[in-house]
All heavy atoms as atom14 arrays in JSON, in Angstrom:
{
  "sequence": "IGDALMLAFPDPGAALDGSLSLFSACAREQEMPLPRAGLHHGPVI",
  "atom14_mask": [
    [1, 1, 1, 1, 1, 1, 1, 1, 0, 0, 0, 0, 0, 0],
    [1, 1, 1, 1, 0, 0, 0, 0, 0, 0, 0, 0, 0, 0],
    [1, 1, 1, 1, 1, 1, 1, 1, 0, 0, 0, 0, 0, 0],
    [1, 1, 1, 1, 1, 0, 0, 0, 0, 0, 0, 0, 0, 0],
    [1, 1, 1, 1, 1, 1, 1, 1, 0, 0, 0, 0, 0, 0],
    [1, 1, 1, 1, 1, 1, 1, 1, 0, 0, 0, 0, 0, 0],
    [1, 1, 1, 1, 1, 1, 1, 1, 0, 0, 0, 0, 0, 0],
    [1, 1, 1, 1, 1, 0, 0, 0, 0, 0, 0, 0, 0, 0],
    [1, 1, 1, 1, 1, 1, 1, 1, 1, 1, 1, 0, 0, 0],
    [1, 1, 1, 1, 1, 1, 1, 0, 0, 0, 0, 0, 0, 0],
    [1, 1, 1, 1, 1, 1, 1, 1, 0, 0, 0, 0, 0, 0],
    [1, 1, 1, 1, 1, 1, 1, 0, 0, 0, 0, 0, 0, 0],
    [1, 1, 1, 1, 0, 0, 0, 0, 0, 0, 0, 0, 0, 0],
    [1, 1, 1, 1, 1, 0, 0, 0, 0, 0, 0, 0, 0, 0],
    [1, 1, 1, 1, 1, 0, 0, 0, 0, 0, 0, 0, 0, 0],
    [1, 1, 1, 1, 1, 1, 1, 1, 0, 0, 0, 0, 0, 0],
    [1, 1, 1, 1, 1, 1, 1, 1, 0, 0, 0, 0, 0, 0],
    [1, 1, 1, 1, 0, 0, 0, 0, 0, 0, 0, 0, 0, 0],
    [1, 1, 1, 1, 1, 1, 0, 0, 0, 0, 0, 0, 0, 0],
    [1, 1, 1, 1, 1, 1, 1, 1, 0, 0, 0, 0, 0, 0],
    [1, 1, 1, 1, 1, 1, 0, 0, 0, 0, 0, 0, 0, 0],
    [1, 1, 1, 1, 1, 1, 1, 1, 0, 0, 0, 0, 0, 0],
    [1, 1, 1, 1, 1, 1, 1, 1, 1, 1, 1, 0, 0, 0],
    [1, 1, 1, 1, 1, 1, 0, 0, 0, 0, 0, 0, 0, 0],
    [1, 1, 1, 1, 1, 0, 0, 0, 0, 0, 0, 0, 0, 0],
    [1, 1, 1, 1, 1, 1, 0, 0, 0, 0, 0, 0, 0, 0],
    [1, 1, 1, 1, 1, 0, 0, 0, 0, 0, 0, 0, 0, 0],
    [1, 1, 1, 1, 1, 1, 1, 1, 1, 1, 1, 0, 0, 0],
    [1, 1, 1, 1, 1, 1, 1, 1, 1, 0, 0, 0, 0, 0],
    [1, 1, 1, 1, 1, 1, 1, 1, 1, 0, 0, 0, 0, 0],
    [1, 1, 1, 1, 1, 1, 1, 1, 1, 0, 0, 0, 0, 0],
    [1, 1, 1, 1, 1, 1, 1, 1, 0, 0, 0, 0, 0, 0],
    [1, 1, 1, 1, 1, 1, 1, 0, 0, 0, 0, 0, 0, 0],
    [1, 1, 1, 1, 1, 1, 1, 1, 0, 0, 0, 0, 0, 0],
    [1, 1, 1, 1, 1, 1, 1, 0, 0, 0, 0, 0, 0, 0],
    [1, 1, 1, 1, 1, 1, 1, 1, 1, 1, 1, 0, 0, 0],
    [1, 1, 1, 1, 1, 0, 0, 0, 0, 0, 0, 0, 0, 0],
    [1, 1, 1, 1, 0, 0, 0, 0, 0, 0, 0, 0, 0, 0],
    [1, 1, 1, 1, 1, 1, 1, 1, 0, 0, 0, 0, 0, 0],
    [1, 1, 1, 1, 1, 1, 1, 1, 1, 1, 0, 0, 0, 0],
    [1, 1, 1, 1, 1, 1, 1, 1, 1, 1, 0, 0, 0, 0],
    [1, 1, 1, 1, 0, 0, 0, 0, 0, 0, 0, 0, 0, 0],
    [1, 1, 1, 1, 1, 1, 1, 0, 0, 0, 0, 0, 0, 0],
    [1, 1, 1, 1, 1, 1, 1, 0, 0, 0, 0, 0, 0, 0],
    [1, 1, 1, 1, 1, 1, 1, 1, 0, 0, 0, 0, 0, 0]
  ],
  "atom14_positions": [
    [[0.88, -1.17, 0.0], [0.0, 0.0, 0.0], [0.92, 1.22, 0.0], [1.36, 1.68, 1.05], [-0.92, 0.02, 1.23], [-1.6, -1.33, 1.44], [-1.96, 1.13, 1.11], [-2.24, -1.5, 2.8], [0.0, 0.0, 0.0], [0.0, 0.0, 0.0], [0.0, 0.0, 0.0], [0.0, 0.0, 0.0], [0.0, 0.0, 0.0], [0.0, 0.0, 0.0]],
    [[1.22, 1.74, -1.18], [2.21, 2.81, -1.25], [3.56, 2.3, -0.8], [4.08, 1.31, -1.32], [0.0, 0.0, 0.0], [0.0, 0.0, 0.0], [0.0, 0.0, 0.0], [0.0, 0.0, 0.0], [0.0, 0.0, 0.0], [0.0, 0.0, 0.0], [0.0, 0.0, 0.0], [0.0, 0.0, 0.0], [0.0, 0.0, 0.0], [0.0, 0.0, 0.0]],
    [[4.14, 2.94, 0.23], [5.42, 2.47, 0.77], [5.23, 1.52, 1.94], [6.21, 1.12, 2.57], [6.28, 3.66, 1.2], [5.7, 4.43, 2.37], [4.49, 4.73, 2.32], [6.43, 4.73, 3.32], [0.0, 0.0, 0.0], [0.0, 0.0, 0.0], [0.0, 0.0, 0.0], [0.0, 0.0, 0.0], [0.0, 0.0, 0.0], [0.0, 0.0, 0.0]],
    [[3.99, 1.11, 2.22], [3.71, 0.21, 3.33], [3.5, -1.22, 2.84], [3.0, -1.45, 1.74], [2.47, 0.67, 4.09], [0.0, 0.0, 0.0], [0.0, 0.0, 0.0], [0.0, 0.0, 0.0], [0.0, 0.0, 0.0], [0.0, 0.0, 0.0], [0.0, 0.0, 0.0], [0.0, 0.0, 0.0], [0.0, 0.0, 0.0], [0.0, 0.0, 0.0]],
    [[3.9, -2.15, 3.69], [3.68, -3.57, 3.44], [2.75, -4.12, 4.51], [2.91, -3.82, 5.7], [5.0, -4.35, 3.49], [6.14, -3.84, 2.61], [7.39, -4.68, 2.86], [5.77, -3.86, 1.14], [0.0, 0.0, 0.0], [0.0, 0.0, 0.0], [0.0, 0.0, 0.0], [0.0, 0.0, 0.0], [0.0, 0.0, 0.0], [0.0, 0.0, 0.0]],
    [[1.78, -4.92, 4.09], [0.92, -5.63, 5.03], [1.4, -7.07, 5.09], [1.45, -7.76, 4.07], [-0.54, -5.58, 4.6], [-1.47, -6.34, 5.53], [-3.2, -6.26, 4.93], [-3.97, -7.41, 6.07], [0.0, 0.0, 0.0], [0.0, 0.0, 0.0], [0.0, 0.0, 0.0], [0.0, 0.0, 0.0], [0.0, 0.0, 0.0], [0.0, 0.0, 0.0]],
    [[1.76, -7.52, 6.29], [2.31, -8.85, 6.5], [1.39, -9.66, 7.41], [0.69, -9.1, 8.25], [3.7, -8.75, 7.13], [4.7, -7.8, 6.46], [5.98, -7.71, 7.28], [5.01, -8.26, 5.04], [0.0, 0.0, 0.0], [0.0, 0.0, 0.0], [0.0, 0.0, 0.0], [0.0, 0.0, 0.0], [0.0, 0.0, 0.0], [0.0, 0.0, 0.0]],
    [[1.42, -10.97, 7.24], [0.63, -11.86, 8.1], [1.49, -13.03, 8.54], [2.25, -13.59, 7.73], [-0.61, -12.36, 7.37], [0.0, 0.0, 0.0], [0.0, 0.0, 0.0], [0.0, 0.0, 0.0], [0.0, 0.0, 0.0], [0.0, 0.0, 0.0], [0.0, 0.0, 0.0], [0.0, 0.0, 0.0], [0.0, 0.0, 0.0], [0.0, 0.0, 0.0]],
    [[1.35, -13.39, 9.82], [2.16, -14.45, 10.42], [1.24, -15.4, 11.19], [0.21, -14.98, 11.71], [3.18, -13.85, 11.38], [4.04, -12.77, 10.79], [3.62, -11.44, 10.8], [5.27, -13.07, 10.23], [4.41, -10.44, 10.27], [6.07, -12.07, 9.69], [5.64, -10.76, 9.71], [0.0, 0.0, 0.0], [0.0, 0.0, 0.0], [0.0, 0.0, 0.0]],
    [[1.62, -16.66, 11.32], [0.76, -17.61, 12.01], [0.63, -17.34, 13.51], [-0.37, -17.73, 14.12], [1.42, -18.97, 11.75], [2.84, -18.65, 11.4], [2.79, -17.33, 10.71], [0.0, 0.0, 0.0], [0.0, 0.0, 0.0], [0.0, 0.0, 0.0], [0.0, 0.0, 0.0], [0.0, 0.0, 0.0], [0.0, 0.0, 0.0], [0.0, 0.0, 0.0]],
    [[1.62, -16.68, 14.11], [1.57, -16.43, 15.55], [2.51, -15.26, 15.88], [3.33, -14.85, 15.06], [1.95, -17.68, 16.34], [3.31, -18.24, 15.91], [4.32, -17.54, 16.05], [3.33, -19.38, 15.41], [0.0, 0.0, 0.0], [0.0, 0.0, 0.0], [0.0, 0.0, 0.0], [0.0, 0.0, 0.0], [0.0, 0.0, 0.0], [0.0, 0.0, 0.0]],
    [[2.42, -14.73, 17.11], [3.26, -13.59, 17.48], [4.75, -13.89, 17.41], [5.55, -13.01, 17.05], [2.82, -13.28, 18.91], [1.39, -13.73, 18.98], [1.37, -14.98, 18.13], [0.0, 0.0, 0.0], [0.0, 0.0, 0.0], [0.0, 0.0, 0.0], [0.0, 0.0, 0.0], [0.0, 0.0, 0.0], [0.0, 0.0, 0.0], [0.0, 0.0, 0.0]],
    [[5.16, -15.11, 17.75], [6.58, -15.45, 17.7], [7.14, -15.33, 16.29], [8.22, -14.77, 16.07], [0.0, 0.0, 0.0], [0.0, 0.0, 0.0], [0.0, 0.0, 0.0], [0.0, 0.0, 0.0], [0.0, 0.0, 0.0], [0.0, 0.0, 0.0], [0.0, 0.0, 0.0], [0.0, 0.0, 0.0], [0.0, 0.0, 0.0], [0.0, 0.0, 0.0]],
    [[6.38, -15.84, 15.32], [6.81, -15.74, 13.93], [6.83, -14.29, 13.48], [7.72, -13.87, 12.72], [5.88, -16.56, 13.04], [0.0, 0.0, 0.0], [0.0, 0.0, 0.0], [0.0, 0.0, 0.0], [0.0, 0.0, 0.0], [0.0, 0.0, 0.0], [0.0, 0.0, 0.0], [0.0, 0.0, 0.0], [0.0, 0.0, 0.0], [0.0, 0.0, 0.0]],
    [[5.86, -13.51, 13.94], [5.81, -12.09, 13.58], [7.03, -11.35, 14.12], [7.6, -10.49, 13.43], [4.53, -11.46, 14.12], [0.0, 0.0, 0.0], [0.0, 0.0, 0.0], [0.0, 0.0, 0.0], [0.0, 0.0, 0.0], [0.0, 0.0, 0.0], [0.0, 0.0, 0.0], [0.0, 0.0, 0.0], [0.0, 0.0, 0.0], [0.0, 0.0, 0.0]],
    [[7.44, -11.66, 15.32], [8.63, -11.03, 15.89], [9.88, -11.42, 15.12], [10.72, -10.58, 14.79], [8.77, -11.4, 17.36], [7.72, -10.78, 18.29], [7.75, -11.45, 19.65], [7.95, -9.28, 18.44], [0.0, 0.0, 0.0], [0.0, 0.0, 0.0], [0.0, 0.0, 0.0], [0.0, 0.0, 0.0], [0.0, 0.0, 0.0], [0.0, 0.0, 0.0]],
    [[10.0, -12.7, 14.79], [11.17, -13.16, 14.03], [11.25, -12.44, 12.69], [12.31, -11.94, 12.3], [11.09, -14.67, 13.81], [11.33, -15.47, 15.08], [11.88, -14.89, 16.05], [10.98, -16.66, 15.11], [0.0, 0.0, 0.0], [0.0, 0.0, 0.0], [0.0, 0.0, 0.0], [0.0, 0.0, 0.0], [0.0, 0.0, 0.0], [0.0, 0.0, 0.0]],
    [[10.13, -12.41, 11.97], [10.13, -11.8, 10.65], [10.36, -10.29, 10.7], [11.14, -9.75, 9.91], [0.0, 0.0, 0.0], [0.0, 0.0, 0.0], [0.0, 0.0, 0.0], [0.0, 0.0, 0.0], [0.0, 0.0, 0.0], [0.0, 0.0, 0.0], [0.0, 0.0, 0.0], [0.0, 0.0, 0.0], [0.0, 0.0, 0.0], [0.0, 0.0, 0.0]],
    [[9.72, -9.63, 11.64], [9.85, -8.18, 11.75], [11.26, -7.77, 12.15], [11.85, -6.84, 11.56], [8.85, -7.63, 12.76], [7.52, -7.9, 12.37], [0.0, 0.0, 0.0], [0.0, 0.0, 0.0], [0.0, 0.0, 0.0], [0.0, 0.0, 0.0], [0.0, 0.0, 0.0], [0.0, 0.0, 0.0], [0.0, 0.0, 0.0], [0.0, 0.0, 0.0]],
    [[11.83, -8.45, 13.12], [13.18, -8.11, 13.55], [14.21, -8.4, 12.47], [15.19, -7.67, 12.3], [13.52, -8.85, 14.84], [12.7, -8.45, 16.06], [13.05, -9.3, 17.27], [12.9, -6.97, 16.39], [0.0, 0.0, 0.0], [0.0, 0.0, 0.0], [0.0, 0.0, 0.0], [0.0, 0.0, 0.0], [0.0, 0.0, 0.0], [0.0, 0.0, 0.0]],
    [[13.98, -9.47, 11.7], [14.87, -9.77, 10.57], [14.81, -8.66, 9.53], [15.83, -8.25, 8.96], [14.5, -11.11, 9.94], [14.76, -12.18, 10.81], [0.0, 0.0, 0.0], [0.0, 0.0, 0.0], [0.0, 0.0, 0.0], [0.0, 0.0, 0.0], [0.0, 0.0, 0.0], [0.0, 0.0, 0.0], [0.0, 0.0, 0.0], [0.0, 0.0, 0.0]],
    [[13.6, -8.16, 9.28], [13.44, -7.07, 8.31], [14.1, -5.79, 8.81], [14.78, -5.09, 8.05], [11.97, -6.84, 8.03], [11.63, -5.67, 7.09], [12.37, -5.81, 5.76], [10.13, -5.59, 6.86], [0.0, 0.0, 0.0], [0.0, 0.0, 0.0], [0.0, 0.0, 0.0], [0.0, 0.0, 0.0], [0.0, 0.0, 0.0], [0.0, 0.0, 0.0]],
    [[13.92, -5.47, 10.08], [14.56, -4.27, 10.63], [16.08, -4.37, 10.52], [16.76, -3.4, 10.16], [14.15, -4.09, 12.09], [12.89, -3.28, 12.28], [11.68, -3.72, 11.78], [12.92, -2.08, 12.96], [10.52, -2.99, 11.95], [11.76, -1.33, 13.14], [10.55, -1.79, 12.63], [0.0, 0.0, 0.0], [0.0, 0.0, 0.0], [0.0, 0.0, 0.0]],
    [[16.62, -5.55, 10.83], [18.07, -5.73, 10.75], [18.56, -5.62, 9.31], [19.62, -5.04, 9.05], [18.46, -7.09, 11.33], [18.19, -7.15, 12.72], [0.0, 0.0, 0.0], [0.0, 0.0, 0.0], [0.0, 0.0, 0.0], [0.0, 0.0, 0.0], [0.0, 0.0, 0.0], [0.0, 0.0, 0.0], [0.0, 0.0, 0.0], [0.0, 0.0, 0.0]],
    [[17.79, -6.17, 8.38], [18.17, -6.08, 6.97], [18.18, -4.63, 6.51], [19.08, -4.2, 5.77], [17.22, -6.91, 6.11], [0.0, 0.0, 0.0], [0.0, 0.0, 0.0], [0.0, 0.0, 0.0], [0.0, 0.0, 0.0], [0.0, 0.0, 0.0], [0.0, 0.0, 0.0], [0.0, 0.0, 0.0], [0.0, 0.0, 0.0], [0.0, 0.0, 0.0]],
    [[17.2, -3.86, 6.93], [17.15, -2.44, 6.57], [18.33, -1.68, 7.17], [18.84, -0.73, 6.56], [15.84, -1.82, 7.03], [14.39, -2.35, 6.07], [0.0, 0.0, 0.0], [0.0, 0.0, 0.0], [0.0, 0.0, 0.0], [0.0, 0.0, 0.0], [0.0, 0.0, 0.0], [0.0, 0.0, 0.0], [0.0, 0.0, 0.0], [0.0, 0.0, 0.0]],
    [[18.76, -2.08, 8.36], [19.88, -1.4, 9.01], [21.16, -1.56, 8.21], [22.06, -0.72, 8.3], [20.07, -1.95, 10.42], [0.0, 0.0, 0.0], [0.0, 0.0, 0.0], [0.0, 0.0, 0.0], [0.0, 0.0, 0.0], [0.0, 0.0, 0.0], [0.0, 0.0, 0.0], [0.0, 0.0, 0.0], [0.0, 0.0, 0.0], [0.0, 0.0, 0.0]],
    [[21.26, -2.63, 7.44], [22.47, -2.87, 6.64], [22.43, -2.19, 5.28], [23.39, -2.26, 4.52], [22.66, -4.38, 6.47], [22.93, -5.11, 7.78], [23.34, -6.55, 7.55], [22.26, -7.36, 7.02], [21.4, -8.04, 7.77], [21.48, -7.99, 9.09], [20.44, -8.77, 7.23], [0.0, 0.0, 0.0], [0.0, 0.0, 0.0], [0.0, 0.0, 0.0]],
    [[21.3, -1.54, 4.96], [21.16, -0.84, 3.68], [21.3, 0.66, 3.94], [20.37, 1.29, 4.46], [19.79, -1.15, 3.06], [19.54, -2.62, 2.81], [20.04, -3.07, 1.45], [20.05, -2.24, 0.51], [20.43, -4.25, 1.34], [0.0, 0.0, 0.0], [0.0, 0.0, 0.0], [0.0, 0.0, 0.0], [0.0, 0.0, 0.0], [0.0, 0.0, 0.0]],
    [[22.43, 1.23, 3.57], [22.72, 2.61, 3.96], [21.67, 3.59, 3.45], [21.3, 4.52, 4.16], [24.09, 3.02, 3.45], [24.47, 4.44, 3.87], [25.84, 4.84, 3.4], [26.61, 4.01, 2.94], [26.15, 6.13, 3.5], [0.0, 0.0, 0.0], [0.0, 0.0, 0.0], [0.0, 0.0, 0.0], [0.0, 0.0, 0.0], [0.0, 0.0, 0.0]],
    [[21.17, 3.4, 2.24], [20.24, 4.38, 1.68], [18.78, 4.15, 2.1], [17.91, 4.97, 1.79], [20.31, 4.36, 0.15], [21.63, 4.86, -0.41], [21.58, 5.05, -1.91], [20.61, 4.55, -2.53], [22.47, 5.69, -2.46], [0.0, 0.0, 0.0], [0.0, 0.0, 0.0], [0.0, 0.0, 0.0], [0.0, 0.0, 0.0], [0.0, 0.0, 0.0]],
    [[18.53, 3.08, 2.82], [17.16, 2.77, 3.2], [16.69, 3.66, 4.35], [17.36, 3.74, 5.38], [17.05, 1.3, 3.61], [15.64, 0.81, 3.8], [14.7, 0.7, 2.25], [15.66, -0.52, 1.35], [0.0, 0.0, 0.0], [0.0, 0.0, 0.0], [0.0, 0.0, 0.0], [0.0, 0.0, 0.0], [0.0, 0.0, 0.0], [0.0, 0.0, 0.0]],
    [[15.56, 4.34, 4.21], [15.01, 5.07, 5.37], [14.68, 4.09, 6.49], [14.56, 2.88, 6.28], [13.73, 5.71, 4.8], [13.94, 5.75, 3.33], [14.75, 4.52, 3.01], [0.0, 0.0, 0.0], [0.0, 0.0, 0.0], [0.0, 0.0, 0.0], [0.0, 0.0, 0.0], [0.0, 0.0, 0.0], [0.0, 0.0, 0.0], [0.0, 0.0, 0.0]],
    [[14.52, 4.62, 7.69], [14.19, 3.76, 8.82], [12.8, 3.16, 8.65], [11.84, 3.87, 8.38], [14.22, 4.56, 10.11], [15.58, 5.04, 10.61], [15.4, 5.89, 11.85], [16.5, 3.87, 10.9], [0.0, 0.0, 0.0], [0.0, 0.0, 0.0], [0.0, 0.0, 0.0], [0.0, 0.0, 0.0], [0.0, 0.0, 0.0], [0.0, 0.0, 0.0]],
    [[12.66, 1.85, 8.85], [11.32, 1.26, 8.87], [10.64, 1.56, 10.2], [11.28, 1.88, 11.2], [11.6, -0.23, 8.71], [12.94, -0.43, 9.32], [13.71, 0.84, 9.04], [0.0, 0.0, 0.0], [0.0, 0.0, 0.0], [0.0, 0.0, 0.0], [0.0, 0.0, 0.0], [0.0, 0.0, 0.0], [0.0, 0.0, 0.0], [0.0, 0.0, 0.0]],
    [[9.32, 1.43, 10.21], [8.53, 1.51, 11.43], [7.38, 0.52, 11.26], [6.89, 0.31, 10.16], [8.01, 2.93, 11.67], [7.18, 3.48, 10.54], [6.83, 4.93, 10.75], [6.1, 5.47, 9.6], [5.82, 6.76, 9.45], [6.19, 7.63, 10.36], [5.16, 7.16, 8.39], [0.0, 0.0, 0.0], [0.0, 0.0, 0.0], [0.0, 0.0, 0.0]],
    [[6.95, -0.09, 12.36], [5.99, -1.18, 12.22], [5.07, -1.29, 13.42], [5.38, -0.83, 14.52], [6.73, -2.51, 12.02], [0.0, 0.0, 0.0], [0.0, 0.0, 0.0], [0.0, 0.0, 0.0], [0.0, 0.0, 0.0], [0.0, 0.0, 0.0], [0.0, 0.0, 0.0], [0.0, 0.0, 0.0], [0.0, 0.0, 0.0], [0.0, 0.0, 0.0]],
    [[3.91, -1.92, 13.17], [2.95, -2.22, 14.22], [2.44, -3.64, 14.04], [2.19, -4.08, 12.92], [0.0, 0.0, 0.0], [0.0, 0.0, 0.0], [0.0, 0.0, 0.0], [0.0, 0.0, 0.0], [0.0, 0.0, 0.0], [0.0, 0.0, 0.0], [0.0, 0.0, 0.0], [0.0, 0.0, 0.0], [0.0, 0.0, 0.0], [0.0, 0.0, 0.0]],
    [[2.3, -4.36, 15.16], [1.85, -5.76, 15.15], [0.68, -5.95, 16.1], [0.65, -5.39, 17.2], [2.99, -6.69, 15.58], [4.27, -6.73, 14.75], [5.33, -7.57, 15.46], [3.99, -7.27, 13.36], [0.0, 0.0, 0.0], [0.0, 0.0, 0.0], [0.0, 0.0, 0.0], [0.0, 0.0, 0.0], [0.0, 0.0, 0.0], [0.0, 0.0, 0.0]],
    [[-0.28, -6.78, 15.68], [-1.4, -7.14, 16.54], [-1.86, -8.54, 16.15], [-1.86, -8.9, 14.97], [-2.56, -6.16, 16.39], [-3.78, -6.54, 17.17], [-3.77, -6.76, 18.53], [-5.07, -6.77, 16.77], [-4.97, -7.08, 18.94], [-5.78, -7.11, 17.9], [0.0, 0.0, 0.0], [0.0, 0.0, 0.0], [0.0, 0.0, 0.0], [0.0, 0.0, 0.0]],
    [[-2.26, -9.33, 17.16], [-2.74, -10.7, 16.92], [-4.22, -10.8, 17.23], [-4.69, -10.29, 18.25], [-1.98, -11.7, 17.79], [-2.37, -13.13, 17.51], [-1.78, -13.87, 16.51], [-3.31, -13.93, 18.08], [-2.32, -15.07, 16.48], [-3.25, -15.14, 17.43], [0.0, 0.0, 0.0], [0.0, 0.0, 0.0], [0.0, 0.0, 0.0], [0.0, 0.0, 0.0]],
    [[-4.96, -11.47, 16.31], [-6.39, -11.66, 16.53], [-7.04, -12.31, 15.33], [-6.38, -12.63, 14.33], [0.0, 0.0, 0.0], [0.0, 0.0, 0.0], [0.0, 0.0, 0.0], [0.0, 0.0, 0.0], [0.0, 0.0, 0.0], [0.0, 0.0, 0.0], [0.0, 0.0, 0.0], [0.0, 0.0, 0.0], [0.0, 0.0, 0.0], [0.0, 0.0, 0.0]],
    [[-8.36, -12.54, 15.39], [-9.07, -13.2, 14.29], [-9.12, -12.3, 13.06], [-9.18, -11.08, 13.16], [-10.47, -13.42, 14.87], [-10.6, -12.4, 15.95], [-9.24, -12.22, 16.53], [0.0, 0.0, 0.0], [0.0, 0.0, 0.0], [0.0, 0.0, 0.0], [0.0, 0.0, 0.0], [0.0, 0.0, 0.0], [0.0, 0.0, 0.0], [0.0, 0.0, 0.0]],
    [[-9.08, -12.94, 11.89], [-9.15, -12.19, 10.63], [-10.09, -12.92, 9.67], [-10.42, -14.09, 9.86], [-7.77, -12.02, 9.97], [-6.81, -11.29, 10.88], [-7.2, -13.38, 9.56], [0.0, 0.0, 0.0], [0.0, 0.0, 0.0], [0.0, 0.0, 0.0], [0.0, 0.0, 0.0], [0.0, 0.0, 0.0], [0.0, 0.0, 0.0], [0.0, 0.0, 0.0]],
    [[-10.48, -12.22, 8.63], [-11.26, -12.8, 7.54], [-10.45, -12.64, 6.26], [-9.97, -11.55, 5.95], [-12.63, -12.12, 7.4], [-13.48, -12.41, 8.63], [-13.35, -12.59, 6.14], [-14.81, -11.7, 8.65], [0.0, 0.0, 0.0], [0.0, 0.0, 0.0], [0.0, 0.0, 0.0], [0.0, 0.0, 0.0], [0.0, 0.0, 0.0], [0.0, 0.0, 0.0]]
  ]
}
């Protein structure tokens, strides 16, 4: 959605692993602006 990504994970643990991996990957890219993220767990359709 523009510069935003919508991600889905099976559980909070997987979401933390994926999000932290993405933040670390961005940290290694000098020209990449800082990412920012929000996570919530619950029922979806």
